[in-house]
Protein backbone atom coordinates (compact mmCIF):
# COMPACT_ATOMS: atom_id res chain seq x y z
CA MET A 1 -36.48 -5.09 -60.82
CA TYR A 2 -38.53 -7.78 -58.84
CA SER A 3 -38.79 -8.14 -55.35
CA PRO A 4 -39.00 -12.34 -54.88
CA ASP A 5 -41.18 -11.75 -51.81
CA CYS A 6 -44.49 -9.26 -51.56
CA ARG A 7 -43.58 -8.89 -47.93
CA LEU A 8 -40.21 -6.94 -48.23
CA GLY A 9 -41.51 -4.63 -50.67
CA PRO A 10 -40.66 -0.56 -50.63
CA THR A 11 -42.36 -0.14 -47.27
CA PHE A 12 -39.73 -2.53 -45.49
CA LEU A 13 -36.90 -0.78 -48.30
CA GLY A 14 -38.16 2.99 -47.08
CA TRP A 15 -37.80 1.91 -43.25
CA ILE A 16 -34.12 0.64 -43.80
CA GLY A 17 -33.27 3.57 -46.01
CA LEU A 18 -32.83 2.00 -49.33
CA GLN A 19 -36.03 3.12 -51.26
CA SER A 20 -34.64 6.58 -52.18
CA ARG A 21 -31.23 5.05 -53.53
CA VAL A 22 -33.34 2.50 -55.50
CA ALA A 23 -35.46 5.66 -57.05
CA ASP A 24 -32.33 7.63 -57.39
CA PHE A 25 -31.12 4.93 -59.97
CA GLY A 26 -34.53 4.62 -61.55
CA VAL A 27 -34.89 0.99 -60.95
CA ASP A 28 -38.67 -0.26 -61.56
CA LEU A 29 -39.21 -2.56 -58.23
CA ARG A 30 -42.22 -5.06 -58.64
CA CYS A 31 -43.60 -7.53 -56.75
CA ALA A 32 -43.37 -10.66 -58.38
CA SER A 33 -47.19 -11.41 -57.26
CA GLY A 34 -48.63 -8.37 -56.55
CA LEU A 35 -49.72 -5.39 -58.70
CA ALA A 36 -47.59 -2.15 -59.51
CA ARG A 37 -48.58 1.25 -59.93
CA PRO A 38 -46.37 4.35 -61.21
CA ILE A 39 -45.54 6.70 -58.52
CA LYS A 40 -43.36 10.19 -59.50
CA HIS A 41 -40.04 11.00 -57.74
CA ARG A 42 -37.48 13.57 -58.41
CA GLY A 43 -38.81 13.82 -62.15
CA GLY A 44 -39.26 10.43 -63.05
CA GLU A 45 -41.27 7.24 -62.06
CA MET A 46 -41.36 4.00 -60.16
CA MET A 47 -43.57 1.42 -59.91
CA HIS A 48 -45.02 0.97 -56.42
CA VAL A 49 -46.07 -2.39 -55.83
CA SER A 50 -49.63 -3.18 -53.88
CA TYR A 51 -49.23 -6.52 -51.40
CA PRO A 52 -50.75 -7.66 -48.76
CA ALA A 53 -50.07 -5.86 -45.57
CA HIS A 54 -47.55 -7.76 -43.23
CA PRO A 55 -45.52 -6.62 -40.09
CA ALA A 56 -42.26 -6.69 -41.44
CA LYS A 57 -41.17 -4.05 -39.00
CA PHE A 58 -41.83 -5.83 -35.84
CA THR A 59 -40.81 -9.15 -37.24
CA VAL A 60 -37.19 -7.49 -37.91
CA LEU A 61 -37.45 -5.62 -34.67
CA THR A 62 -38.37 -9.14 -32.77
CA LEU A 63 -35.28 -11.05 -34.15
CA VAL A 64 -33.10 -7.89 -33.53
CA LEU A 65 -34.22 -8.41 -29.83
CA LEU A 66 -34.15 -12.01 -29.56
CA SER A 67 -29.87 -11.54 -30.97
CA VAL A 68 -29.29 -9.06 -28.11
CA THR A 69 -30.80 -11.03 -25.66
CA ALA A 70 -29.00 -14.08 -26.80
CA THR A 71 -25.48 -12.22 -26.77
CA CYS A 72 -26.53 -10.78 -23.18
CA ALA A 73 -27.27 -14.59 -21.87
CA VAL A 74 -23.71 -15.49 -23.29
CA CYS A 75 -21.51 -12.60 -21.52
CA GLN A 76 -23.58 -13.18 -18.09
CA GLU A 77 -22.87 -17.22 -18.61
CA SER A 78 -19.08 -16.18 -19.39
CA SER A 79 -18.44 -13.52 -16.66
CA SER A 80 -20.00 -16.11 -14.24
CA ARG A 81 -17.76 -18.93 -15.14
CA PRO A 82 -14.46 -17.49 -13.37
CA ALA A 83 -16.64 -17.28 -9.94
CA LYS A 84 -17.55 -20.77 -10.27
CA ARG A 85 -14.02 -21.59 -10.70
CA GLU A 86 -12.90 -19.78 -7.89
CA GLU A 87 -15.48 -21.38 -5.51
CA LYS A 88 -14.57 -24.67 -6.34
CA ILE A 89 -10.47 -23.89 -5.76
CA SER A 90 -10.57 -22.12 -2.41
CA PRO A 91 -11.88 -24.84 -0.50
CA ARG A 92 -9.13 -26.82 -1.80
CA GLN A 93 -6.54 -24.06 -0.93
CA ASN A 94 -8.14 -23.54 2.22
CA SER A 95 -7.99 -27.06 3.34
CA PRO A 96 -5.09 -27.64 5.90
CA THR A 97 -2.64 -30.73 5.50
CA THR A 98 -1.91 -32.20 8.61
CA ASN A 99 0.44 -34.59 10.03
CA PRO A 100 -0.14 -36.92 12.70
CA SER A 101 3.07 -36.94 14.30
CA SER A 102 3.23 -33.21 14.39
CA ASP A 103 0.59 -33.22 17.23
CA PRO A 104 1.81 -32.57 20.76
CA VAL A 105 1.80 -36.36 22.95
CA PRO A 106 1.77 -36.21 26.60
CA VAL A 107 4.26 -38.30 28.21
CA ASP A 108 4.81 -39.67 31.63
CA ALA A 109 7.58 -37.53 33.63
CA ASN A 110 7.94 -40.57 35.93
CA SER A 111 8.77 -42.95 33.04
CA TYR A 112 10.14 -41.29 29.93
CA ILE A 113 13.58 -40.73 28.92
CA ILE A 114 14.88 -37.49 27.68
CA GLY A 115 16.75 -37.93 24.43
CA PRO A 116 18.51 -35.70 22.00
CA GLY A 117 16.43 -33.60 19.84
CA ASP A 118 13.73 -33.56 22.51
CA LEU A 119 12.42 -30.04 23.42
CA LEU A 120 11.76 -28.99 26.84
CA ALA A 121 9.76 -26.58 28.35
CA ILE A 122 11.30 -25.43 31.31
CA ASN A 123 9.43 -23.34 33.79
CA VAL A 124 10.75 -21.57 36.82
CA LEU A 125 7.90 -20.15 39.38
CA HIS A 126 7.78 -16.57 39.18
CA GLU A 127 11.17 -16.48 37.32
CA PRO A 128 10.39 -15.54 33.37
CA GLU A 129 13.81 -14.55 33.02
CA VAL A 130 14.92 -18.09 33.60
CA SER A 131 12.24 -20.09 32.30
CA GLN A 132 12.34 -20.99 28.36
CA LYS A 133 11.96 -23.82 25.96
CA ALA A 134 15.13 -25.60 25.37
CA PRO A 135 16.00 -28.13 22.67
CA VAL A 136 18.30 -31.13 23.88
CA ARG A 137 21.41 -31.14 21.72
CA MET A 138 23.22 -33.84 20.11
CA ASP A 139 25.74 -34.17 23.27
CA GLY A 140 22.86 -34.67 25.15
CA LYS A 141 23.26 -31.18 27.33
CA ILE A 142 20.88 -27.67 27.12
CA THR A 143 22.07 -24.76 28.30
CA MET A 144 20.23 -22.18 30.77
CA PRO A 145 20.58 -18.77 32.30
CA LEU A 146 22.55 -18.37 35.84
CA ILE A 147 23.51 -21.93 35.72
CA GLY A 148 25.01 -22.78 32.21
CA GLU A 149 25.13 -26.37 30.67
CA ILE A 150 23.22 -29.40 32.29
CA GLN A 151 22.82 -32.93 31.29
CA ALA A 152 19.37 -33.66 30.24
CA SER A 153 19.81 -36.69 27.95
CA GLY A 154 19.53 -40.47 29.54
CA VAL A 155 17.26 -38.84 32.73
CA MET A 156 13.59 -38.40 33.21
CA PRO A 157 11.79 -35.18 33.78
CA TYR A 158 11.28 -35.47 37.10
CA SER A 159 15.11 -35.83 37.74
CA LEU A 160 16.00 -33.05 35.90
CA GLN A 161 13.57 -30.78 37.66
CA ALA A 162 15.58 -31.69 40.77
CA THR A 163 18.80 -30.86 39.10
CA ILE A 164 18.02 -27.48 37.79
CA ALA A 165 16.29 -26.51 41.45
CA GLU A 166 19.65 -27.48 43.39
CA LYS A 167 21.65 -25.23 40.55
CA LEU A 168 19.59 -22.43 40.77
CA HIS A 169 19.66 -22.49 44.93
CA ASP A 170 22.73 -20.10 44.73
CA TYR A 171 20.61 -17.83 43.03
CA ILE A 172 16.69 -18.22 43.42
CA LYS A 173 16.04 -19.64 47.02
CA ASP A 174 13.59 -22.59 46.76
CA ALA A 175 13.04 -22.33 43.15
CA GLU A 176 9.93 -24.20 41.78
CA VAL A 177 10.86 -26.02 38.69
CA THR A 178 8.79 -27.97 36.14
CA VAL A 179 10.16 -29.93 33.01
CA VAL A 180 7.63 -30.69 30.41
CA VAL A 181 8.49 -32.49 27.00
CA GLU A 182 6.99 -30.79 24.35
CA GLU A 183 8.28 -32.40 21.33
CA VAL A 184 9.49 -35.93 21.26
CA LYS A 185 12.12 -36.38 18.58
CA SER A 186 14.58 -39.10 20.12
CA ARG A 187 12.22 -41.47 20.09
CA GLN A 188 10.39 -42.47 17.13
CA PHE A 189 9.08 -45.23 15.09
CA SER A 190 8.05 -45.11 11.22
CA VAL A 191 5.53 -46.92 9.08
CA MET A 192 5.81 -46.65 5.51
CA GLY A 193 3.82 -48.48 2.53
CA GLU A 194 0.33 -49.19 2.09
CA VAL A 195 -1.36 -47.34 5.08
CA GLU A 196 -3.60 -43.89 5.17
CA HIS A 197 -1.06 -42.19 6.94
CA PRO A 198 2.64 -43.35 6.45
CA GLY A 199 5.19 -41.34 8.20
CA SER A 200 6.91 -40.75 11.64
CA PHE A 201 5.25 -41.16 15.35
CA PRO A 202 6.40 -40.97 18.77
CA LEU A 203 7.46 -43.65 20.96
CA VAL A 204 6.28 -42.16 24.23
CA LYS A 205 4.85 -45.36 25.89
CA PRO A 206 4.98 -49.25 25.28
CA THR A 207 3.24 -49.74 21.69
CA SER A 208 2.92 -52.91 19.80
CA VAL A 209 3.29 -53.32 15.96
CA LEU A 210 -0.76 -53.44 15.99
CA ASP A 211 -0.46 -50.04 17.83
CA GLY A 212 1.66 -48.56 15.28
CA LEU A 213 -0.34 -49.74 12.56
CA ALA A 214 -3.73 -48.17 14.30
CA GLN A 215 -1.66 -44.83 14.28
CA ALA A 216 -0.97 -44.75 10.92
CA GLY A 217 -4.58 -45.08 10.32
CA GLY A 218 -5.03 -48.83 9.23
CA PHE A 219 -4.31 -50.34 5.26
CA ARG A 220 -5.39 -49.11 2.04
CA ASP A 221 -7.10 -51.16 -0.17
CA PHE A 222 -4.37 -53.15 -2.10
CA ALA A 223 -1.92 -53.68 0.93
CA LYS A 224 -0.44 -57.01 1.73
CA VAL A 225 -1.11 -57.62 5.15
CA THR A 226 0.44 -60.95 5.09
CA LYS A 227 3.81 -59.74 4.23
CA ILE A 228 4.37 -56.80 6.71
CA HIS A 229 7.96 -56.82 8.32
CA VAL A 230 9.66 -54.99 10.72
CA LEU A 231 13.11 -53.36 10.16
CA ARG A 232 15.20 -52.98 13.08
CA ARG A 233 18.80 -51.81 13.55
CA THR A 234 21.10 -53.83 15.73
CA PRO A 235 23.52 -52.10 18.52
CA GLN A 236 26.53 -53.83 15.94
CA GLY A 237 24.69 -51.49 13.27
CA THR A 238 23.19 -54.13 11.10
CA THR A 239 19.67 -54.32 10.22
CA ILE A 240 17.12 -57.25 10.70
CA THR A 241 14.15 -58.25 9.22
CA LEU A 242 11.16 -59.21 11.83
CA PRO A 243 8.02 -60.70 9.85
CA PHE A 244 4.33 -59.75 10.84
CA ASN A 245 1.42 -61.53 9.32
CA TYR A 246 -1.55 -59.14 10.09
CA LYS A 247 -4.30 -62.00 9.22
CA GLN A 248 -2.97 -64.38 11.65
CA VAL A 249 -2.00 -61.90 14.87
CA SER A 250 -5.72 -60.27 14.36
CA LYS A 251 -7.11 -63.91 14.93
CA GLY A 252 -5.04 -64.55 17.93
CA LYS A 253 -2.69 -66.78 16.22
CA ASN A 254 1.18 -66.26 16.12
CA ASP A 255 1.20 -63.50 18.83
CA SER A 256 4.79 -63.17 18.89
CA GLN A 257 5.09 -61.42 16.07
CA ASN A 258 3.24 -58.75 17.55
CA ILE A 259 6.61 -57.33 19.09
CA GLU A 260 7.12 -54.29 21.08
CA LEU A 261 8.66 -51.56 19.13
CA GLN A 262 11.69 -49.74 19.83
CA ALA A 263 13.04 -46.27 18.80
CA GLY A 264 14.15 -46.02 14.98
CA ASP A 265 12.17 -49.12 14.32
CA THR A 266 10.31 -49.10 10.77
CA ILE A 267 7.17 -51.09 9.88
CA ILE A 268 6.89 -51.59 6.06
CA VAL A 269 3.47 -52.56 4.65
CA PRO A 270 3.97 -53.87 1.26
C-alpha cells in the first residue's frame, strides 16, 4: 500500500491510532516518493518509509482549533440575536399612543354652557363626603348626596355652583362650592381625512375652521386643500355642506368660508 503523500506517513497514522491496525493486516505502507525500510511487528515485517519531517500534528491541531473557534463564534452570534431583537421591539412596545382630544381642556366658568356627557368635579369645602365627580346624564341632570337630582345641562358652571350651595344650606351652613368641567363631551367637533391627527376635539371656545385644522396637526402630503368642506347638521335634521378653500383663505381671500364651528361639525379633508 502506498501513501499518496509522504507527509501523511506512519507517524501520522500512529498519532491518530491507525498504524497498529495497518500492521495487523500486514499491509505494506510505502511512500510514493520516499525510501522504505522493513521493521518487525508481531512476527511480521512492514515497510517504514523515510520522508521529510513535517509538523503534521500541529497542522491538524490548528485546523481543529480553527473549526472550534468558528463554531463558538457562530453560537455567540446566534445567542446574541434575540437580545438585539428585544432591544428593537421594546421601544416600540413602550412607546405611548396619545389622543389629542383626551387631554383636559380648561373652560371658562363664566361662558361655557354645560351639556349632556360632560364630567363635572364638584367640591364642597371641608366636606369630602359631599364632594364628588358627577357625569351629566342625557336628561341633563346630576345626582348629589343630601340634595338629590339637580339640573346641570344648559347652565354655566358658576350658576350651578350657586344652585348647589343654596340647596345645601339646610344641611351645611355657608357651604362653599366650586364646579369644574373636567371633560368636555357635549360640545365637540371632528376632523377627518388627510390630517396628522384626525379625531374629535372639545369645542370650549370660539373656533374657526382654520383653528380646527391647526388642532388636528395640519395636512398630510397628498391632502387636497382646495376641496375641504364642513358637514353640519341643521335643526331640521338635514346635513349641509359648507366649502372651504384653504389656499384662498390662507391668502386672505374669501374669508367668509372660515366660519365659526358649531358643536357636531365635521371637517372633511380629502
